[in-house]
């Protein structure tokens, strides 16, 4: 820690990658404080234009990447080893999977597993003409939940991460940059200005997304604590929660991927499995298992319709859910791909896709079936109660109502609060690893260790801004900015998909043996 403090002022960064997003984020937060209504209104207007104008593009490119992931996994390219035939893995298989899973889901599956299906159940899309709170609406809600958290979104992460891993380790470049993914298209090292632009926009999208996600995490954690201690001062509580997250993150960040991120991820994975098993054992086992099965049936039945917008094109539901979700995943994908690709050295392409695409998606689907299905079971017996909670208290309240209806509020609420805390710290550690890696002027010899001081700087800034937003202005404006980052990411990921196709058909031309 002393070394960290003494060298903090010696951080060397890529100025055109580090300072513009850093400054833009500060300006965005100031505007959201000074002109909160105008800022959110204008940002939301830009977001809506993007969602409506490029909705089909987000859906079709997402489907393309899903098909690509499946095709590459079963192709001869699947036997190719990332980094060359002699490359050796740095992480054990279980540790690798734990890091990937906890990096990609953050607090999402804890927060949305109950809130999202309830919304679909109570307010089904207009284009399907379903009655609210009906058995048909329940089936659709589970299928839509699976669609938004299944194989398609994980392909949005896995495809660019695979291309980055293959091209970074084959090119022999020391500096980490997203432009390396376009080498199969350009036939040479990409233009420096283009690389800088890609890195800048991707870094900004991830920073805004992390700030908004931490803000939501602070609210969920504070709400959970307030459920046990309703007389606490909410302002002091949010500050304490933010500080605790930052202290834990700094301790983990100072130990690197091999220790900090790995240990947190393994703990997080065990926690997820434990709470899911407890939920099944203490709940209605037959109903839960039936919901998981029914969710898969509805998912496969609606997959092509939702993926290609066959019946939902132009609908508000499609814009608000499918397009919005995929735009968010795409905004985060390039920077997340850098981290996921960096830790994949020594693994085959098939192993990579199993660990980064297939198994995380499968894990999320089972999780969503357990918690989403249980939520719908309780909501079907008293829809008015759940609808009132959703509209008056907010989506973060739904899971606590489920715990109360189960009769094990204290047990599961305690687990839930702990899970949110560890999940965000884990995701923040890996995400700031990527932020530090791409904004460093000089890379470390060990690709697994970025500049700890830079990680702490990003983490502290994001934590402080999240607290400011939660306390004074709300998180909507900055969250919307991260969605807007999905537009350039859409075109970038389309080019990356073409790069993967070129690698697939001519691997020897682009990859190291």
Protein backbone atom coordinates (compact mmCIF):
# COMPACT_ATOMS: atom_id res chain seq x y z
CA UNK A 1 0.00 0.00 0.00
CA UNK A 2 2.91 2.36 0.72
CA UNK A 3 4.26 1.75 -2.75
CA UNK A 4 0.83 2.52 -4.16
CA UNK A 5 0.71 5.87 -2.35
CA UNK A 6 4.28 6.90 -3.17
CA UNK A 7 3.92 6.31 -6.90
CA UNK A 8 0.38 7.63 -7.28
CA UNK A 9 1.49 10.92 -8.83
CA UNK A 10 3.74 9.16 -11.35
CA UNK A 11 0.88 7.67 -13.38
CA UNK A 12 1.54 7.90 -17.12
CA UNK A 13 -1.52 7.77 -19.36
CA UNK A 14 -2.42 7.98 -23.04
CA UNK A 15 -3.64 11.59 -22.96
CA UNK A 16 -6.17 11.38 -25.81
CA UNK A 17 -7.67 8.19 -24.39
CA UNK A 18 -7.67 9.11 -20.70
CA UNK A 19 -8.50 12.82 -20.43
CA UNK A 20 -11.49 13.27 -22.81
CA UNK A 21 -13.68 10.59 -21.11
CA UNK A 22 -12.44 11.74 -17.71
CA UNK A 23 -13.40 15.35 -18.45
CA UNK A 24 -16.67 14.48 -20.22
CA UNK A 25 -17.85 12.44 -17.25
CA UNK A 26 -17.13 15.33 -14.87
CA UNK A 27 -19.00 17.73 -17.16
CA UNK A 28 -21.94 15.33 -17.48
CA UNK A 29 -22.29 15.02 -13.72
CA UNK A 30 -22.05 18.80 -13.25
CA UNK A 31 -24.76 19.34 -15.87
CA UNK A 32 -26.95 16.70 -14.22
CA UNK A 33 -26.54 18.58 -10.91
CA UNK A 34 -27.12 22.09 -12.25
CA UNK A 35 -29.77 21.29 -14.89
CA UNK A 36 -31.14 17.90 -13.82
CA UNK A 37 -34.43 17.96 -15.75
CA UNK A 38 -33.03 19.46 -18.95
CA UNK A 39 -30.03 17.14 -18.93
CA UNK A 40 -32.08 13.97 -18.53
CA UNK A 41 -34.73 15.15 -21.02
CA UNK A 42 -32.19 15.93 -23.75
CA UNK A 43 -30.18 12.77 -23.13
CA UNK A 44 -33.33 10.66 -23.20
CA UNK A 45 -34.40 12.31 -26.45
CA UNK A 46 -31.09 11.40 -28.12
CA UNK A 47 -31.35 7.88 -26.73
CA UNK A 48 -34.87 7.44 -28.09
CA UNK A 49 -33.82 8.56 -31.57
CA UNK A 50 -31.02 5.98 -31.52
CA UNK A 51 -33.28 3.19 -30.27
CA UNK A 52 -35.97 3.89 -32.86
CA UNK A 53 -33.63 4.47 -35.82
CA UNK A 54 -31.26 1.56 -35.22
CA UNK A 55 -33.49 -0.95 -33.45
CA UNK A 56 -33.32 -3.54 -36.24
CA UNK A 57 -29.57 -3.07 -36.47
CA UNK A 58 -29.09 -3.85 -32.78
CA UNK A 59 -31.25 -6.97 -33.10
CA UNK A 60 -29.77 -8.33 -36.31
CA UNK A 61 -26.13 -7.75 -35.36
CA UNK A 62 -26.81 -9.41 -32.00
CA UNK A 63 -28.31 -12.42 -33.79
CA UNK A 64 -25.34 -12.52 -36.18
CA UNK A 65 -22.91 -12.70 -33.26
CA UNK A 66 -24.96 -15.45 -31.62
CA UNK A 67 -24.87 -17.52 -34.82
CA UNK A 68 -21.15 -16.79 -35.21
CA UNK A 69 -20.38 -17.95 -31.67
CA UNK A 70 -22.17 -21.25 -32.26
CA UNK A 71 -20.60 -21.78 -35.69
CA UNK A 72 -17.04 -21.04 -34.58
CA UNK A 73 -17.34 -23.29 -31.53
CA UNK A 74 -18.02 -26.32 -33.74
CA UNK A 75 -15.63 -25.34 -36.55
CA UNK A 76 -12.00 -26.44 -37.05
CA UNK A 77 -10.99 -23.02 -35.68
CA UNK A 78 -12.25 -24.28 -32.33
CA UNK A 79 -9.07 -26.37 -31.95
CA UNK A 80 -6.76 -23.35 -32.38
CA UNK A 81 -4.99 -22.23 -29.20
CA UNK A 82 -5.03 -18.53 -28.27
CA UNK A 83 -1.45 -17.21 -28.22
CA UNK A 84 0.00 -20.06 -30.26
CA UNK A 85 0.51 -23.78 -29.75
CA UNK A 86 3.06 -23.30 -26.96
CA UNK A 87 1.02 -20.78 -24.95
CA UNK A 88 0.06 -21.90 -21.44
CA UNK A 89 -3.05 -20.87 -19.45
CA UNK A 90 -2.55 -18.56 -16.47
CA UNK A 91 -5.78 -19.51 -14.71
CA UNK A 92 -7.36 -22.79 -13.70
CA UNK A 93 -10.63 -23.63 -15.42
CA UNK A 94 -12.91 -22.98 -12.42
CA UNK A 95 -11.16 -19.68 -11.61
CA UNK A 96 -11.38 -18.61 -15.22
CA UNK A 97 -15.12 -19.36 -15.40
CA UNK A 98 -15.76 -17.59 -12.10
CA UNK A 99 -13.96 -14.45 -13.29
CA UNK A 100 -15.83 -14.43 -16.62
CA UNK A 101 -19.23 -14.98 -15.00
CA UNK A 102 -18.79 -12.35 -12.30
CA UNK A 103 -17.29 -9.81 -14.70
CA UNK A 104 -20.21 -10.02 -17.11
CA UNK A 105 -23.26 -10.24 -14.86
CA UNK A 106 -22.25 -7.73 -12.14
CA UNK A 107 -25.43 -7.11 -10.12
CA UNK A 108 -27.71 -7.62 -13.12
CA UNK A 109 -29.05 -11.07 -12.33
CA UNK A 110 -29.73 -10.09 -8.72
CA UNK A 111 -31.65 -6.96 -9.64
CA UNK A 112 -33.51 -7.89 -12.82
CA UNK A 113 -34.33 -11.57 -12.20
CA UNK A 114 -37.53 -10.51 -10.40
CA UNK A 115 -38.22 -7.00 -11.70
CA UNK A 116 -38.04 -7.68 -15.44
CA UNK A 117 -40.38 -10.68 -15.75
CA UNK A 118 -42.90 -8.97 -13.47
CA UNK A 119 -42.99 -5.99 -15.83
CA UNK A 120 -43.56 -8.25 -18.85
CA UNK A 121 -46.24 -10.14 -16.93
CA UNK A 122 -48.17 -7.07 -15.81
CA UNK A 123 -47.55 -5.01 -18.95
CA UNK A 124 -47.14 -7.45 -21.88
CA UNK A 125 -46.19 -6.05 -25.31
CA UNK A 126 -49.01 -4.58 -27.33
CA UNK A 127 -48.12 -6.47 -30.49
CA UNK A 128 -49.00 -9.87 -28.93
CA UNK A 129 -52.44 -8.89 -27.62
CA UNK A 130 -51.93 -10.79 -24.34
CA UNK A 131 -54.05 -10.18 -21.27
CA UNK A 132 -52.07 -8.79 -18.36
CA UNK A 133 -51.38 -11.23 -15.49
CA UNK A 134 -52.61 -14.17 -17.57
CA UNK A 135 -50.96 -17.62 -17.94
CA UNK A 136 -50.01 -16.65 -21.49
CA UNK A 137 -48.39 -13.45 -20.24
CA UNK A 138 -46.43 -15.48 -17.68
CA UNK A 139 -45.04 -17.80 -20.36
CA UNK A 140 -44.06 -14.86 -22.53
CA UNK A 141 -42.46 -13.05 -19.56
CA UNK A 142 -40.20 -16.03 -18.84
CA UNK A 143 -39.25 -16.42 -22.50
CA UNK A 144 -38.47 -12.71 -22.87
CA UNK A 145 -36.40 -12.79 -19.68
CA UNK A 146 -34.40 -15.73 -21.06
CA UNK A 147 -33.95 -13.93 -24.37
CA UNK A 148 -32.54 -10.80 -22.73
CA UNK A 149 -30.17 -12.76 -20.43
CA UNK A 150 -29.29 -15.81 -22.51
CA UNK A 151 -27.12 -16.76 -25.44
CA UNK A 152 -27.59 -13.58 -27.49
CA UNK A 153 -26.23 -11.04 -24.97
CA UNK A 154 -23.36 -13.33 -24.04
CA UNK A 155 -22.45 -13.59 -27.73
CA UNK A 156 -22.23 -9.77 -27.76
CA UNK A 157 -19.39 -10.11 -25.25
CA UNK A 158 -17.84 -13.37 -26.46
CA UNK A 159 -17.35 -12.53 -30.16
CA UNK A 160 -15.29 -9.32 -29.72
CA UNK A 161 -13.44 -10.88 -26.76
CA UNK A 162 -12.44 -13.85 -28.92
CA UNK A 163 -11.32 -11.64 -31.80
CA UNK A 164 -9.32 -9.46 -29.42
CA UNK A 165 -7.65 -12.48 -27.80
CA UNK A 166 -6.73 -14.05 -31.15
CA UNK A 167 -5.43 -10.86 -32.76
CA UNK A 168 -3.70 -9.33 -29.73
CA UNK A 169 -1.61 -12.43 -28.99
CA UNK A 170 -0.99 -13.14 -32.69
CA UNK A 171 0.07 -9.61 -33.55
CA UNK A 172 2.77 -9.51 -30.89
CA UNK A 173 1.77 -5.99 -29.89
CA UNK A 174 2.57 -4.85 -26.37
CA UNK A 175 0.07 -2.02 -26.08
CA UNK A 176 -3.54 -3.01 -25.50
CA UNK A 177 -5.90 -1.37 -27.98
CA UNK A 178 -9.27 -2.29 -29.43
CA UNK A 179 -8.14 -1.43 -32.95
CA UNK A 180 -6.25 -4.73 -33.13
CA UNK A 181 -9.60 -6.43 -33.74
CA UNK A 182 -9.84 -4.79 -37.16
CA UNK A 183 -6.51 -6.05 -38.52
CA UNK A 184 -8.19 -8.82 -40.62
CA UNK A 185 -10.16 -6.06 -42.38
CA UNK A 186 -7.38 -3.51 -42.82
CA UNK A 187 -4.60 -5.96 -43.66
CA UNK A 188 -2.20 -3.96 -41.49
CA UNK A 189 -2.00 -2.31 -38.10
CA UNK A 190 -4.91 0.06 -37.83
CA UNK A 191 -4.57 3.82 -38.00
CA UNK A 192 -3.39 5.35 -34.72
CA UNK A 193 -6.12 7.99 -34.71
CA UNK A 194 -8.78 5.36 -35.38
CA UNK A 195 -7.44 3.22 -32.53
CA UNK A 196 -7.42 6.20 -30.19
CA UNK A 197 -11.00 7.07 -31.13
CA UNK A 198 -12.21 3.51 -30.56
CA UNK A 199 -10.46 3.31 -27.20
CA UNK A 200 -11.75 6.74 -26.14
CA UNK A 201 -15.43 6.07 -26.94
CA UNK A 202 -15.35 2.57 -25.47
CA UNK A 203 -13.70 3.80 -22.28
CA UNK A 204 -16.31 6.55 -21.90
CA UNK A 205 -19.19 4.09 -22.40
CA UNK A 206 -17.82 1.74 -19.78
CA UNK A 207 -17.12 4.50 -17.24
CA UNK A 208 -20.63 5.94 -17.56
CA UNK A 209 -22.13 2.46 -17.40
CA UNK A 210 -20.13 1.59 -14.30
CA UNK A 211 -21.12 4.86 -12.59
CA UNK A 212 -24.79 4.19 -13.25
CA UNK A 213 -24.48 0.53 -12.23
CA UNK A 214 -22.75 1.48 -8.99
CA UNK A 215 -25.45 4.07 -8.36
CA UNK A 216 -28.13 1.38 -8.76
CA UNK A 217 -26.07 -0.94 -6.56
CA UNK A 218 -25.79 1.71 -3.83
CA UNK A 219 -29.57 2.20 -3.91
CA UNK A 220 -30.23 -1.55 -3.75
CA UNK A 221 -27.74 -2.07 -0.92
CA UNK A 222 -29.04 0.91 1.04
CA UNK A 223 -32.62 -0.27 0.52
CA UNK A 224 -31.69 -3.71 1.84
CA UNK A 225 -30.03 -2.29 4.94
CA UNK A 226 -32.95 0.09 5.51
CA UNK A 227 -35.29 -2.89 5.43
CA UNK A 228 -33.53 -4.14 8.57
CA UNK A 229 -32.85 -0.72 10.12
CA UNK A 230 -35.56 1.70 8.91
CA UNK A 231 -34.46 4.56 11.19
CA UNK A 232 -31.02 5.01 9.62
CA UNK A 233 -30.17 8.28 7.87
CA UNK A 234 -30.26 7.48 4.14
CA UNK A 235 -27.64 10.10 3.17
CA UNK A 236 -25.09 8.82 5.66
CA UNK A 237 -25.96 5.24 4.76
CA UNK A 238 -25.29 5.70 1.04
CA UNK A 239 -21.97 7.38 1.85
CA UNK A 240 -21.01 4.50 4.14
CA UNK A 241 -22.00 1.90 1.53
CA UNK A 242 -19.98 3.70 -1.16
CA UNK A 243 -16.96 3.97 1.12
CA UNK A 244 -17.11 0.29 2.05
CA UNK A 245 -17.27 -0.71 -1.62
CA UNK A 246 -14.28 1.48 -2.44
CA UNK A 247 -12.17 0.17 0.47
CA UNK A 248 -12.84 -3.44 -0.52
CA UNK A 249 -12.19 -2.65 -4.17
CA UNK A 250 -8.85 -0.93 -3.44
CA UNK A 251 -7.66 -3.90 -1.38
CA UNK A 252 -8.60 -6.27 -4.19
CA UNK A 253 -7.20 -4.00 -6.93
CA UNK A 254 -3.78 -3.89 -5.29
CA UNK A 255 -3.41 -7.70 -5.54
CA UNK A 256 -3.99 -8.13 -9.30
CA UNK A 257 -5.93 -10.67 -11.35
CA UNK A 258 -4.14 -13.76 -10.02
CA UNK A 259 -5.19 -13.02 -6.44
CA UNK A 260 -7.77 -10.27 -5.90
CA UNK A 261 -10.12 -10.72 -8.85
CA UNK A 262 -9.76 -14.50 -8.77
CA UNK A 263 -10.52 -14.78 -5.04
CA UNK A 264 -13.50 -12.44 -5.20
CA UNK A 265 -14.89 -14.23 -8.26
CA UNK A 266 -14.59 -17.68 -6.70
CA UNK A 267 -16.33 -16.43 -3.56
CA UNK A 268 -19.03 -14.83 -5.71
CA UNK A 269 -19.58 -18.03 -7.69
CA UNK A 270 -19.95 -20.10 -4.51
CA UNK A 271 -22.38 -17.49 -3.17
CA UNK A 272 -24.53 -17.60 -6.33
CA UNK A 273 -24.72 -21.40 -6.23
CA UNK A 274 -25.48 -21.40 -2.51
CA UNK A 275 -28.34 -18.90 -2.68
CA UNK A 276 -29.85 -20.67 -5.72
CA UNK A 277 -29.74 -24.06 -3.97
CA UNK A 278 -31.24 -22.58 -0.77
CA UNK A 279 -33.98 -20.93 -2.80
CA UNK A 280 -34.90 -24.27 -4.39
CA UNK A 281 -34.73 -26.22 -1.12
CA UNK A 282 -36.85 -23.73 0.83
CA UNK A 283 -39.25 -22.92 -1.99
CA UNK A 284 -41.73 -24.95 -4.02
CA UNK A 285 -39.32 -27.34 -5.74
CA UNK A 286 -41.76 -28.69 -8.31
CA UNK A 287 -42.93 -25.20 -9.30
CA UNK A 288 -39.36 -23.89 -9.58
CA UNK A 289 -38.18 -26.78 -11.74
CA UNK A 290 -41.32 -26.43 -13.84
CA UNK A 291 -40.63 -22.72 -14.34
CA UNK A 292 -37.09 -23.43 -15.53
CA UNK A 293 -38.40 -25.93 -18.07
CA UNK A 294 -41.23 -23.65 -19.17
CA UNK A 295 -38.78 -20.78 -19.54
CA UNK A 296 -36.65 -22.79 -21.97
CA UNK A 297 -39.75 -23.75 -24.00
CA UNK A 298 -40.93 -20.15 -24.23
CA UNK A 299 -37.38 -18.98 -25.02
CA UNK A 300 -36.93 -21.35 -27.96
CA UNK A 301 -40.46 -20.68 -29.18
CA UNK A 302 -40.00 -16.89 -29.25
CA UNK A 303 -36.30 -16.75 -30.16
CA UNK A 304 -36.54 -16.01 -33.88
CA UNK A 305 -39.50 -13.67 -33.48
CA UNK A 306 -37.74 -11.56 -30.84
CA UNK A 307 -34.33 -11.78 -32.52
CA UNK A 308 -35.55 -10.58 -35.90
CA UNK A 309 -38.43 -8.42 -34.64
CA UNK A 310 -40.87 -10.32 -36.85
CA UNK A 311 -43.92 -9.13 -34.94
CA UNK A 312 -42.47 -6.50 -32.61
CA UNK A 313 -40.76 -4.11 -35.03
CA UNK A 314 -41.55 -0.50 -34.20
CA UNK A 315 -43.21 -1.28 -30.87
CA UNK A 316 -42.51 0.62 -27.67
CA UNK A 317 -41.89 -2.66 -25.80
CA UNK A 318 -39.16 -3.63 -28.27
CA UNK A 319 -37.46 -0.25 -27.93
CA UNK A 320 -37.71 -0.21 -24.13
CA UNK A 321 -36.53 -3.77 -23.57
CA UNK A 322 -34.80 -5.71 -26.37
CA UNK A 323 -33.18 -2.77 -28.14
CA UNK A 324 -32.32 -1.00 -24.89
CA UNK A 325 -30.74 -4.13 -23.38
CA UNK A 326 -28.68 -5.00 -26.44
CA UNK A 327 -27.53 -1.38 -26.82
CA UNK A 328 -26.33 -1.51 -23.20
CA UNK A 329 -24.49 -4.82 -23.72
CA UNK A 330 -22.90 -3.46 -26.90
CA UNK A 331 -21.78 -0.26 -25.20
CA UNK A 332 -19.92 -2.32 -22.59
CA UNK A 333 -18.74 -5.05 -24.99
CA UNK A 334 -15.54 -3.56 -26.52
CA UNK A 335 -13.93 -2.70 -23.19
CA UNK A 336 -15.14 -5.91 -21.52
CA UNK A 337 -13.73 -7.81 -24.50
CA UNK A 338 -10.28 -6.42 -23.75
CA UNK A 339 -10.31 -7.89 -20.24
CA UNK A 340 -11.90 -11.22 -21.21
CA UNK A 341 -9.53 -11.63 -24.14
CA UNK A 342 -6.47 -10.73 -22.09
CA UNK A 343 -7.02 -13.55 -19.57
CA UNK A 344 -7.72 -16.23 -22.21
CA UNK A 345 -4.14 -16.94 -23.31
CA UNK A 346 -3.31 -20.63 -23.60
CA UNK A 347 -6.92 -21.75 -24.10
CA UNK A 348 -8.41 -23.15 -27.29
CA UNK A 349 -11.10 -21.22 -29.15
CA UNK A 350 -13.63 -23.92 -28.25
CA UNK A 351 -12.73 -23.67 -24.56
CA UNK A 352 -13.00 -19.90 -24.81
CA UNK A 353 -16.52 -20.02 -26.23
CA UNK A 354 -17.68 -22.62 -23.73
CA UNK A 355 -16.42 -20.55 -20.78
CA UNK A 356 -17.29 -17.07 -22.15
CA UNK A 357 -20.51 -17.84 -24.01
CA UNK A 358 -22.25 -21.16 -23.49
CA UNK A 359 -21.86 -21.90 -19.76
CA UNK A 360 -22.38 -18.32 -18.46
CA UNK A 361 -25.55 -18.03 -20.57
CA UNK A 362 -26.77 -21.40 -19.32
CA UNK A 363 -26.05 -20.38 -15.72
CA UNK A 364 -28.04 -17.16 -16.15
CA UNK A 365 -30.98 -18.96 -17.74
CA UNK A 366 -31.27 -21.38 -14.82
CA UNK A 367 -30.94 -18.49 -12.35
CA UNK A 368 -33.63 -16.49 -14.15
CA UNK A 369 -35.92 -19.50 -14.19
CA UNK A 370 -35.53 -19.93 -10.43
CA UNK A 371 -36.01 -16.32 -9.33
CA UNK A 372 -38.08 -14.99 -12.21
CA UNK A 373 -40.43 -17.95 -12.15
CA UNK A 374 -40.91 -17.73 -8.37
CA UNK A 375 -41.68 -14.02 -8.64
CA UNK A 376 -44.37 -14.70 -11.24
CA UNK A 377 -45.86 -17.48 -9.11
CA UNK A 378 -46.33 -15.09 -6.18
CA UNK A 379 -47.47 -12.24 -8.42
CA UNK A 380 -50.14 -14.43 -10.03
CA UNK A 381 -51.88 -14.81 -6.66
CA UNK A 382 -51.85 -11.07 -5.86
CA UNK A 383 -50.99 -9.07 -9.00
CA UNK A 384 -52.34 -5.80 -7.56
CA UNK A 385 -49.85 -5.87 -4.67
CA UNK A 386 -46.87 -6.44 -6.98
CA UNK A 387 -48.05 -3.87 -9.50
CA UNK A 388 -48.36 -1.24 -6.76
CA UNK A 389 -44.85 -2.04 -5.50
CA UNK A 390 -43.39 -1.84 -8.98
CA UNK A 391 -45.00 1.52 -9.74
CA UNK A 392 -44.72 3.26 -6.36
CA UNK A 393 -41.58 1.88 -4.70
CA UNK A 394 -39.58 0.73 -7.72
CA UNK A 395 -38.16 -2.43 -9.29
CA UNK A 396 -35.59 -2.86 -6.49
CA UNK A 397 -38.44 -3.62 -4.04
CA UNK A 398 -39.78 -6.68 -5.87
CA UNK A 399 -37.20 -9.22 -4.75
CA UNK A 400 -37.72 -8.25 -1.09
CA UNK A 401 -41.45 -8.88 -1.46
CA UNK A 402 -40.65 -12.30 -2.88
CA UNK A 403 -38.46 -13.08 0.14
CA UNK A 404 -41.28 -11.98 2.46
CA UNK A 405 -43.84 -14.13 0.62
CA UNK A 406 -41.53 -17.12 0.91
CA UNK A 407 -41.41 -16.64 4.67
CA UNK A 408 -37.61 -16.33 4.82
CA UNK A 409 -37.15 -12.57 4.52
CA UNK A 410 -34.26 -12.14 6.96
CA UNK A 411 -32.26 -15.05 5.55
CA UNK A 412 -32.54 -14.19 1.87
CA UNK A 413 -32.46 -10.41 2.29
CA UNK A 414 -29.16 -10.78 4.16
CA UNK A 415 -27.75 -12.98 1.40
CA UNK A 416 -29.05 -10.57 -1.22
CA UNK A 417 -27.37 -7.52 0.33
CA UNK A 418 -24.09 -9.43 0.64
CA UNK A 419 -24.43 -10.67 -2.94
CA UNK A 420 -24.92 -7.18 -4.37
CA UNK A 421 -21.91 -5.93 -2.47
CA UNK A 422 -19.51 -8.69 -3.54
CA UNK A 423 -20.87 -8.76 -7.10
CA UNK A 424 -20.25 -5.09 -7.69
CA UNK A 425 -16.79 -5.10 -6.13
CA UNK A 426 -15.87 -8.08 -8.32
CA UNK A 427 -17.19 -6.49 -11.50
CA UNK A 428 -15.62 -3.13 -10.64
CA UNK A 429 -12.23 -4.75 -10.10
CA UNK A 430 -12.22 -6.46 -13.50
CA UNK A 431 -13.73 -3.47 -15.32
CA UNK A 432 -11.21 -1.00 -13.89
CA UNK A 433 -8.50 -3.50 -14.88
CA UNK A 434 -9.63 -2.96 -18.47
CA UNK A 435 -9.91 0.83 -18.00
CA UNK A 436 -6.39 0.99 -16.61
CA UNK A 437 -4.95 -1.31 -19.28
CA UNK A 438 -6.26 0.71 -22.19
CA UNK A 439 -5.41 4.14 -20.73
CA UNK A 440 -1.84 3.22 -19.70
CA UNK A 441 0.88 4.85 -21.76
CA UNK A 442 3.35 2.05 -21.09
CA UNK A 443 2.21 -1.53 -20.57
CA UNK A 444 3.64 -3.77 -17.87
CA UNK A 445 5.66 -6.77 -18.95
CA UNK A 446 3.06 -8.94 -17.25
CA UNK A 447 -0.16 -8.50 -19.25
CA UNK A 448 -2.11 -9.75 -16.23
CA UNK A 449 -1.18 -6.70 -14.15
CA UNK A 450 -2.14 -3.15 -15.08
CA UNK A 451 -1.16 0.01 -13.19
CA UNK A 452 -2.71 -0.38 -9.72
CA UNK A 453 -2.69 3.38 -9.15
CA UNK A 454 -4.65 3.92 -12.34
CA UNK A 455 -7.18 1.27 -11.30
CA UNK A 456 -7.63 2.98 -7.95
CA UNK A 457 -7.99 6.37 -9.64
CA UNK A 458 -10.74 5.12 -11.96
CA UNK A 459 -12.48 3.21 -9.19
CA UNK A 460 -12.43 6.16 -6.79
CA UNK A 461 -13.71 8.57 -9.44
CA UNK A 462 -16.53 6.24 -10.43
CA UNK A 463 -17.47 5.61 -6.81
CA UNK A 464 -17.49 9.32 -5.93
CA UNK A 465 -19.54 10.29 -8.98
CA UNK A 466 -22.03 7.48 -8.35
CA UNK A 467 -22.54 8.70 -4.79
CA UNK A 468 -22.97 12.31 -5.97
CA UNK A 469 -25.58 11.24 -8.50
CA UNK A 470 -27.50 9.06 -6.07
CA UNK A 471 -27.47 11.73 -3.36
CA UNK A 472 -28.15 14.86 -5.39
CA UNK A 473 -29.35 14.28 -8.95
CA UNK A 474 -30.31 10.68 -9.77
CA UNK A 475 -28.55 8.26 -12.08
CA UNK A 476 -30.76 8.40 -15.18
CA UNK A 477 -28.76 10.98 -17.15
CA UNK A 478 -25.38 9.30 -16.93
CA UNK A 479 -26.97 5.87 -17.45
CA UNK A 480 -28.52 7.13 -20.68
CA UNK A 481 -25.11 8.37 -21.86
CA UNK A 482 -23.77 4.81 -21.65
CA UNK A 483 -26.68 3.63 -23.82
CA UNK A 484 -25.82 6.29 -26.40
CA UNK A 485 -22.36 4.71 -26.51
CA UNK A 486 -24.04 1.62 -27.94
CA UNK A 487 -24.46 3.29 -31.36
CA UNK A 488 -20.77 3.51 -32.35
CA UNK A 489 -20.32 0.13 -30.69
CA UNK A 490 -22.98 -1.31 -33.01
CA UNK A 491 -20.97 -0.48 -36.13
CA UNK A 492 -17.70 -1.48 -34.51
CA UNK A 493 -19.07 -4.88 -33.49
CA UNK A 494 -20.41 -5.44 -37.00
CA UNK A 495 -16.88 -4.93 -38.34
CA UNK A 496 -15.48 -7.19 -35.61
CA UNK A 497 -17.95 -9.89 -36.66
CA UNK A 498 -16.69 -9.62 -40.22
CA UNK A 499 -13.14 -9.92 -38.87
CA UNK A 500 -14.09 -13.16 -37.14
CA UNK A 501 -15.56 -14.49 -40.38
CA UNK A 502 -12.28 -13.75 -42.17
CA UNK A 503 -10.32 -15.50 -39.42
CA UNK A 504 -12.72 -18.44 -39.55
CA UNK A 505 -12.11 -19.07 -43.26
CA UNK A 506 -8.37 -18.19 -43.34
CA UNK A 507 -6.96 -18.77 -39.84
CA UNK A 508 -3.39 -19.37 -41.00
CA UNK A 509 -3.31 -15.94 -42.63
CA UNK A 510 -4.02 -14.05 -39.42
CA UNK A 511 -3.05 -16.23 -36.47
CA UNK A 512 0.21 -17.38 -34.94
CA UNK A 513 0.74 -21.15 -35.11
